């Protein structure tokens, strides 16, 4: 059974760091583009970062550029989201999602359409 499982969320002070993990089972992540999305209470789901399946292209929403880094570990079938210099406005439930053969276009703006698998989410809370 194909599934994604996120981990690594938690409570962190402003300015701190967390690394989220997204582990796939039942399929090979290298064949998929991976997106990280987040949803804060009362807000719509937002595309945070995305990694293409083949060419390594990446997308970051403007508010996380320079602070978040997405990466892939094929050997462990896992994708990571390194989050540094965290701010209270980063507080949300973070989800990873996989889309077969996804190749990011220059016009990609964080859409969550077309993703085949979704994880259950992990809570990130940034607060002093």
N, C-alpha and C. Protein backbone atom coordinates (compact mmCIF):
# COMPACT_ATOMS: atom_id res chain seq x y z
N UNK A 1 0.84 -1.19 0.00
CA UNK A 1 0.00 0.00 0.00
C UNK A 1 0.88 1.25 0.00
N UNK A 2 0.64 2.13 -0.96
CA UNK A 2 1.45 3.33 -1.07
C UNK A 2 1.02 4.35 -0.02
N UNK A 3 2.01 4.90 0.66
CA UNK A 3 1.69 5.94 1.63
C UNK A 3 2.89 6.82 1.89
N UNK A 4 2.59 8.02 2.40
CA UNK A 4 3.60 8.98 2.83
C UNK A 4 3.40 9.24 4.32
N UNK A 5 4.50 9.31 5.04
CA UNK A 5 4.42 9.58 6.47
C UNK A 5 5.38 10.71 6.81
N UNK A 6 4.82 11.79 7.35
CA UNK A 6 5.64 12.93 7.77
C UNK A 6 6.05 12.76 9.23
N UNK A 7 7.17 13.36 9.56
CA UNK A 7 7.62 13.43 10.94
C UNK A 7 8.52 14.63 11.10
N UNK A 8 8.82 14.96 12.34
CA UNK A 8 9.76 16.03 12.61
C UNK A 8 9.14 17.33 13.08
N UNK A 9 7.83 17.40 13.12
CA UNK A 9 7.19 18.62 13.61
C UNK A 9 7.34 18.76 15.11
N UNK A 10 6.93 19.91 15.62
CA UNK A 10 7.00 20.14 17.06
C UNK A 10 6.91 21.60 17.40
N UNK A 11 7.25 21.91 18.64
CA UNK A 11 7.23 23.28 19.14
C UNK A 11 8.66 23.82 19.14
N UNK A 12 8.83 24.99 18.57
CA UNK A 12 10.16 25.60 18.50
C UNK A 12 10.02 27.10 18.72
N UNK A 13 11.05 27.70 19.29
CA UNK A 13 11.03 29.14 19.51
C UNK A 13 11.33 29.88 18.21
N UNK A 14 10.87 31.12 18.10
CA UNK A 14 11.21 31.92 16.93
C UNK A 14 12.72 31.97 16.73
N UNK A 15 13.14 31.83 15.47
CA UNK A 15 14.56 31.79 15.16
C UNK A 15 15.14 30.40 15.15
N UNK A 16 14.39 29.43 15.64
CA UNK A 16 14.86 28.06 15.70
C UNK A 16 14.71 27.32 14.38
N UNK A 17 15.08 26.03 14.43
CA UNK A 17 15.05 25.20 13.23
C UNK A 17 14.34 23.88 13.49
N UNK A 18 13.76 23.35 12.44
CA UNK A 18 13.21 22.01 12.43
C UNK A 18 13.50 21.38 11.08
N UNK A 19 13.61 20.06 11.06
CA UNK A 19 13.70 19.34 9.79
C UNK A 19 12.55 18.35 9.70
N UNK A 20 11.70 18.59 8.73
CA UNK A 20 10.59 17.67 8.48
C UNK A 20 11.04 16.57 7.53
N UNK A 21 10.55 15.36 7.79
CA UNK A 21 10.84 14.22 6.93
C UNK A 21 9.54 13.70 6.32
N UNK A 22 9.64 13.20 5.12
CA UNK A 22 8.50 12.61 4.42
C UNK A 22 8.98 11.29 3.84
N UNK A 23 8.59 10.20 4.47
CA UNK A 23 9.05 8.87 4.05
C UNK A 23 7.96 8.18 3.24
N UNK A 24 8.36 7.65 2.11
CA UNK A 24 7.42 6.93 1.23
C UNK A 24 7.58 5.44 1.38
N UNK A 25 6.47 4.75 1.34
CA UNK A 25 6.48 3.29 1.27
C UNK A 25 5.50 2.85 0.19
N UNK A 26 5.85 1.77 -0.48
CA UNK A 26 4.98 1.24 -1.52
C UNK A 26 5.23 1.81 -2.90
N UNK A 27 6.13 2.80 -3.01
CA UNK A 27 6.52 3.35 -4.29
C UNK A 27 7.86 4.05 -4.14
N UNK A 28 8.49 4.34 -5.29
CA UNK A 28 9.82 4.94 -5.29
C UNK A 28 9.71 6.45 -5.46
N UNK A 29 10.17 7.18 -4.47
CA UNK A 29 10.03 8.63 -4.49
C UNK A 29 10.80 9.28 -5.63
N UNK A 30 11.87 8.66 -6.09
CA UNK A 30 12.67 9.25 -7.17
C UNK A 30 11.84 9.47 -8.44
N UNK A 31 10.77 8.72 -8.62
CA UNK A 31 9.92 8.85 -9.79
C UNK A 31 8.87 9.95 -9.66
N UNK A 32 8.86 10.59 -8.50
CA UNK A 32 7.80 11.54 -8.19
C UNK A 32 8.39 12.91 -7.84
N UNK A 33 7.65 13.94 -8.22
CA UNK A 33 7.91 15.25 -7.65
C UNK A 33 7.26 15.32 -6.28
N UNK A 34 7.87 16.07 -5.38
CA UNK A 34 7.39 16.15 -4.01
C UNK A 34 7.08 17.60 -3.66
N UNK A 35 5.94 17.78 -3.05
CA UNK A 35 5.57 19.10 -2.57
C UNK A 35 5.36 19.10 -1.08
N UNK A 36 5.71 20.20 -0.46
CA UNK A 36 5.38 20.45 0.93
C UNK A 36 4.34 21.57 0.96
N UNK A 37 3.27 21.33 1.68
CA UNK A 37 2.18 22.29 1.80
C UNK A 37 1.91 22.52 3.28
N UNK A 38 1.27 23.62 3.60
CA UNK A 38 0.92 23.88 4.99
C UNK A 38 -0.44 24.54 5.06
N UNK A 39 -1.09 24.32 6.19
CA UNK A 39 -2.39 24.93 6.43
C UNK A 39 -2.48 25.39 7.87
N UNK A 40 -2.66 26.67 8.02
CA UNK A 40 -2.84 27.27 9.33
C UNK A 40 -4.33 27.38 9.63
N UNK A 41 -4.70 27.45 10.91
CA UNK A 41 -6.12 27.54 11.26
C UNK A 41 -6.80 28.73 10.58
N UNK A 42 -7.92 28.46 9.93
CA UNK A 42 -8.67 29.52 9.28
C UNK A 42 -8.12 29.98 7.95
N UNK A 43 -7.08 29.32 7.47
CA UNK A 43 -6.47 29.73 6.20
C UNK A 43 -6.51 28.58 5.20
N UNK A 44 -6.37 28.93 3.94
CA UNK A 44 -6.31 27.92 2.89
C UNK A 44 -4.94 27.24 2.89
N UNK A 45 -4.93 26.03 2.34
CA UNK A 45 -3.67 25.32 2.21
C UNK A 45 -2.76 26.06 1.24
N UNK A 46 -1.50 26.13 1.59
CA UNK A 46 -0.51 26.91 0.84
C UNK A 46 0.64 26.02 0.40
N UNK A 47 1.07 26.18 -0.84
CA UNK A 47 2.26 25.48 -1.30
C UNK A 47 3.51 26.15 -0.76
N UNK A 48 4.33 25.40 -0.06
CA UNK A 48 5.53 25.94 0.58
C UNK A 48 6.76 25.71 -0.29
N UNK A 49 6.93 24.48 -0.75
CA UNK A 49 8.12 24.14 -1.53
C UNK A 49 7.81 22.92 -2.38
N UNK A 50 8.51 22.80 -3.49
CA UNK A 50 8.29 21.66 -4.37
C UNK A 50 9.59 21.30 -5.06
N UNK A 51 9.76 20.00 -5.31
CA UNK A 51 10.97 19.48 -5.95
C UNK A 51 10.57 18.61 -7.12
N UNK A 52 11.09 18.91 -8.30
CA UNK A 52 10.78 18.12 -9.48
C UNK A 52 11.29 16.68 -9.35
N UNK A 53 10.71 15.80 -10.16
CA UNK A 53 11.09 14.39 -10.09
C UNK A 53 12.41 14.09 -10.78
N UNK A 54 12.74 14.79 -11.85
CA UNK A 54 13.93 14.42 -12.60
C UNK A 54 15.00 15.48 -12.70
N UNK A 55 14.60 16.72 -12.94
CA UNK A 55 15.58 17.75 -13.24
C UNK A 55 16.06 18.51 -12.00
N UNK A 56 15.49 18.21 -10.85
CA UNK A 56 15.96 18.84 -9.62
C UNK A 56 15.49 20.26 -9.42
N UNK A 57 14.62 20.75 -10.29
CA UNK A 57 14.11 22.11 -10.11
C UNK A 57 13.32 22.22 -8.82
N UNK A 58 13.39 23.39 -8.22
CA UNK A 58 12.71 23.61 -6.96
C UNK A 58 11.83 24.86 -7.02
N UNK A 59 10.87 24.88 -6.12
CA UNK A 59 10.00 26.04 -5.94
C UNK A 59 9.91 26.33 -4.46
N UNK A 60 9.94 27.61 -4.11
CA UNK A 60 9.71 28.05 -2.74
C UNK A 60 8.74 29.22 -2.78
N UNK A 61 7.78 29.21 -1.90
CA UNK A 61 6.94 30.38 -1.79
C UNK A 61 7.78 31.53 -1.24
N UNK A 62 7.41 32.74 -1.59
CA UNK A 62 8.25 33.90 -1.30
C UNK A 62 8.59 34.03 0.18
N UNK A 63 7.65 33.72 1.04
CA UNK A 63 7.85 33.95 2.48
C UNK A 63 8.87 33.02 3.12
N UNK A 64 9.26 31.93 2.41
CA UNK A 64 10.23 31.00 3.01
C UNK A 64 11.56 30.98 2.27
N UNK A 65 11.67 31.73 1.20
CA UNK A 65 12.92 31.74 0.42
C UNK A 65 14.08 32.18 1.30
N UNK A 66 15.18 31.43 1.21
CA UNK A 66 16.35 31.72 2.01
C UNK A 66 16.31 31.12 3.40
N UNK A 67 15.15 30.56 3.80
CA UNK A 67 15.03 29.98 5.14
C UNK A 67 14.76 28.47 5.09
N UNK A 68 14.04 28.02 4.07
CA UNK A 68 13.67 26.61 3.94
C UNK A 68 14.44 25.99 2.78
N UNK A 69 14.76 24.70 2.93
CA UNK A 69 15.45 23.97 1.87
C UNK A 69 14.83 22.58 1.73
N UNK A 70 14.44 22.24 0.51
CA UNK A 70 13.89 20.92 0.23
C UNK A 70 14.99 20.05 -0.37
N UNK A 71 15.00 18.77 0.03
CA UNK A 71 16.02 17.87 -0.50
C UNK A 71 15.47 16.45 -0.52
N UNK A 72 16.15 15.62 -1.30
CA UNK A 72 15.70 14.23 -1.50
C UNK A 72 16.82 13.27 -1.12
N UNK A 73 16.48 12.18 -0.44
CA UNK A 73 17.42 11.10 -0.13
C UNK A 73 16.85 9.84 -0.75
N UNK A 74 17.32 9.53 -1.96
CA UNK A 74 16.79 8.37 -2.67
C UNK A 74 17.04 7.05 -1.96
N UNK A 75 18.18 6.95 -1.31
CA UNK A 75 18.53 5.69 -0.64
C UNK A 75 17.54 5.35 0.46
N UNK A 76 17.01 6.38 1.10
CA UNK A 76 16.06 6.18 2.19
C UNK A 76 14.61 6.47 1.78
N UNK A 77 14.43 6.76 0.47
CA UNK A 77 13.07 7.02 -0.03
C UNK A 77 12.37 8.10 0.79
N UNK A 78 13.12 9.15 1.06
CA UNK A 78 12.65 10.21 1.97
C UNK A 78 12.96 11.57 1.38
N UNK A 79 12.07 12.50 1.59
CA UNK A 79 12.29 13.90 1.24
C UNK A 79 12.25 14.72 2.53
N UNK A 80 13.10 15.73 2.58
CA UNK A 80 13.21 16.55 3.77
C UNK A 80 12.84 18.00 3.46
N UNK A 81 12.40 18.69 4.50
CA UNK A 81 12.23 20.13 4.44
C UNK A 81 12.96 20.70 5.65
N UNK A 82 14.13 21.28 5.40
CA UNK A 82 14.90 21.94 6.45
C UNK A 82 14.35 23.35 6.62
N UNK A 83 13.93 23.67 7.83
CA UNK A 83 13.32 24.97 8.10
C UNK A 83 14.16 25.70 9.14
N UNK A 84 14.75 26.79 8.73
CA UNK A 84 15.58 27.61 9.61
C UNK A 84 14.95 28.98 9.82
N UNK A 85 15.44 29.68 10.83
CA UNK A 85 14.95 31.03 11.13
C UNK A 85 13.43 31.07 11.18
N UNK A 86 12.87 30.12 11.87
CA UNK A 86 11.41 29.99 11.91
C UNK A 86 10.75 31.19 12.57
N UNK A 87 9.57 31.52 12.05
CA UNK A 87 8.79 32.66 12.52
C UNK A 87 7.43 32.16 13.02
N UNK A 88 6.78 32.92 13.88
CA UNK A 88 5.44 32.50 14.34
C UNK A 88 4.47 32.27 13.18
N UNK A 89 4.60 33.02 12.11
CA UNK A 89 3.70 32.85 10.97
C UNK A 89 3.95 31.57 10.19
N UNK A 90 5.00 30.83 10.53
CA UNK A 90 5.22 29.51 9.93
C UNK A 90 4.39 28.42 10.63
N UNK A 91 3.74 28.76 11.71
CA UNK A 91 2.93 27.80 12.44
C UNK A 91 1.79 27.28 11.57
N UNK A 92 1.73 25.96 11.45
CA UNK A 92 0.73 25.32 10.60
C UNK A 92 0.89 23.80 10.68
N UNK A 93 -0.06 23.10 10.10
CA UNK A 93 0.12 21.68 9.83
C UNK A 93 0.78 21.56 8.46
N UNK A 94 1.87 20.81 8.43
CA UNK A 94 2.63 20.65 7.19
C UNK A 94 2.37 19.26 6.61
N UNK A 95 2.11 19.24 5.31
CA UNK A 95 1.82 18.02 4.59
C UNK A 95 2.82 17.84 3.45
N UNK A 96 3.21 16.60 3.21
CA UNK A 96 3.96 16.33 1.98
C UNK A 96 3.03 15.59 1.02
N UNK A 97 3.33 15.73 -0.26
CA UNK A 97 2.53 15.11 -1.30
C UNK A 97 3.43 14.73 -2.46
N UNK A 98 3.04 13.68 -3.19
CA UNK A 98 3.84 13.17 -4.29
C UNK A 98 3.04 13.14 -5.58
N UNK A 99 3.66 13.59 -6.66
CA UNK A 99 3.03 13.61 -7.98
C UNK A 99 3.95 12.90 -8.96
N UNK A 100 3.42 11.84 -9.62
CA UNK A 100 4.25 11.04 -10.51
C UNK A 100 4.76 11.87 -11.68
N UNK A 101 6.09 11.82 -11.87
CA UNK A 101 6.69 12.47 -13.02
C UNK A 101 6.60 13.98 -13.04
N UNK A 102 6.32 14.61 -11.90
CA UNK A 102 6.15 16.05 -11.87
C UNK A 102 7.41 16.77 -12.31
N UNK A 103 7.25 17.65 -13.27
CA UNK A 103 8.34 18.52 -13.71
C UNK A 103 7.86 19.96 -13.58
N UNK A 104 8.49 20.71 -12.71
CA UNK A 104 8.01 22.05 -12.42
C UNK A 104 8.20 22.97 -13.62
N UNK A 105 7.16 23.72 -13.95
CA UNK A 105 7.28 24.74 -14.97
C UNK A 105 7.71 26.05 -14.32
N UNK A 106 8.24 26.96 -15.09
CA UNK A 106 8.61 28.27 -14.52
C UNK A 106 7.42 29.02 -13.95
N UNK A 107 6.22 28.64 -14.36
CA UNK A 107 5.01 29.32 -13.90
C UNK A 107 4.40 28.68 -12.66
N UNK A 108 4.99 27.61 -12.17
CA UNK A 108 4.42 26.95 -11.00
C UNK A 108 4.40 27.90 -9.81
N UNK A 109 3.24 27.93 -9.12
CA UNK A 109 3.06 28.86 -8.02
C UNK A 109 2.51 28.18 -6.78
N UNK A 110 2.80 26.88 -6.62
CA UNK A 110 2.43 26.22 -5.39
C UNK A 110 1.10 25.51 -5.41
N UNK A 111 0.56 25.24 -6.58
CA UNK A 111 -0.73 24.55 -6.67
C UNK A 111 -0.64 23.16 -6.06
N UNK A 112 -1.72 22.71 -5.42
CA UNK A 112 -1.78 21.36 -4.85
C UNK A 112 -2.54 20.39 -5.76
N UNK A 113 -2.83 20.82 -6.97
CA UNK A 113 -3.55 19.97 -7.92
C UNK A 113 -2.62 18.94 -8.53
N UNK A 114 -3.15 17.73 -8.74
CA UNK A 114 -2.41 16.72 -9.46
C UNK A 114 -1.48 15.85 -8.64
N UNK A 115 -1.53 15.99 -7.32
CA UNK A 115 -0.68 15.16 -6.46
C UNK A 115 -1.40 13.84 -6.16
N UNK A 116 -0.67 12.74 -6.28
CA UNK A 116 -1.28 11.43 -6.17
C UNK A 116 -1.42 10.93 -4.74
N UNK A 117 -0.44 11.23 -3.93
CA UNK A 117 -0.43 10.74 -2.55
C UNK A 117 -0.18 11.89 -1.60
N UNK A 118 -0.80 11.80 -0.43
CA UNK A 118 -0.66 12.82 0.61
C UNK A 118 -0.37 12.14 1.95
N UNK A 119 0.47 12.80 2.73
CA UNK A 119 0.70 12.34 4.09
C UNK A 119 -0.38 12.85 5.03
N UNK A 120 -0.27 12.46 6.29
CA UNK A 120 -1.30 12.80 7.27
C UNK A 120 -1.08 14.16 7.92
N UNK A 121 0.09 14.71 7.73
CA UNK A 121 0.40 16.02 8.29
C UNK A 121 1.17 15.95 9.60
N UNK A 122 1.97 16.98 9.84
CA UNK A 122 2.70 17.10 11.10
C UNK A 122 2.62 18.56 11.55
N UNK A 123 2.36 18.76 12.84
CA UNK A 123 2.14 20.11 13.36
C UNK A 123 3.47 20.79 13.63
N UNK A 124 3.60 22.01 13.16
CA UNK A 124 4.74 22.87 13.47
C UNK A 124 4.21 24.09 14.19
N UNK A 125 4.71 24.35 15.39
CA UNK A 125 4.30 25.50 16.17
C UNK A 125 5.54 26.31 16.53
N UNK A 126 5.52 27.57 16.13
CA UNK A 126 6.63 28.48 16.41
C UNK A 126 6.14 29.52 17.41
N UNK A 127 6.65 29.42 18.63
CA UNK A 127 6.14 30.29 19.69
C UNK A 127 7.17 30.38 20.81
N UNK A 128 7.20 31.54 21.45
CA UNK A 128 8.08 31.71 22.61
C UNK A 128 7.33 31.41 23.90
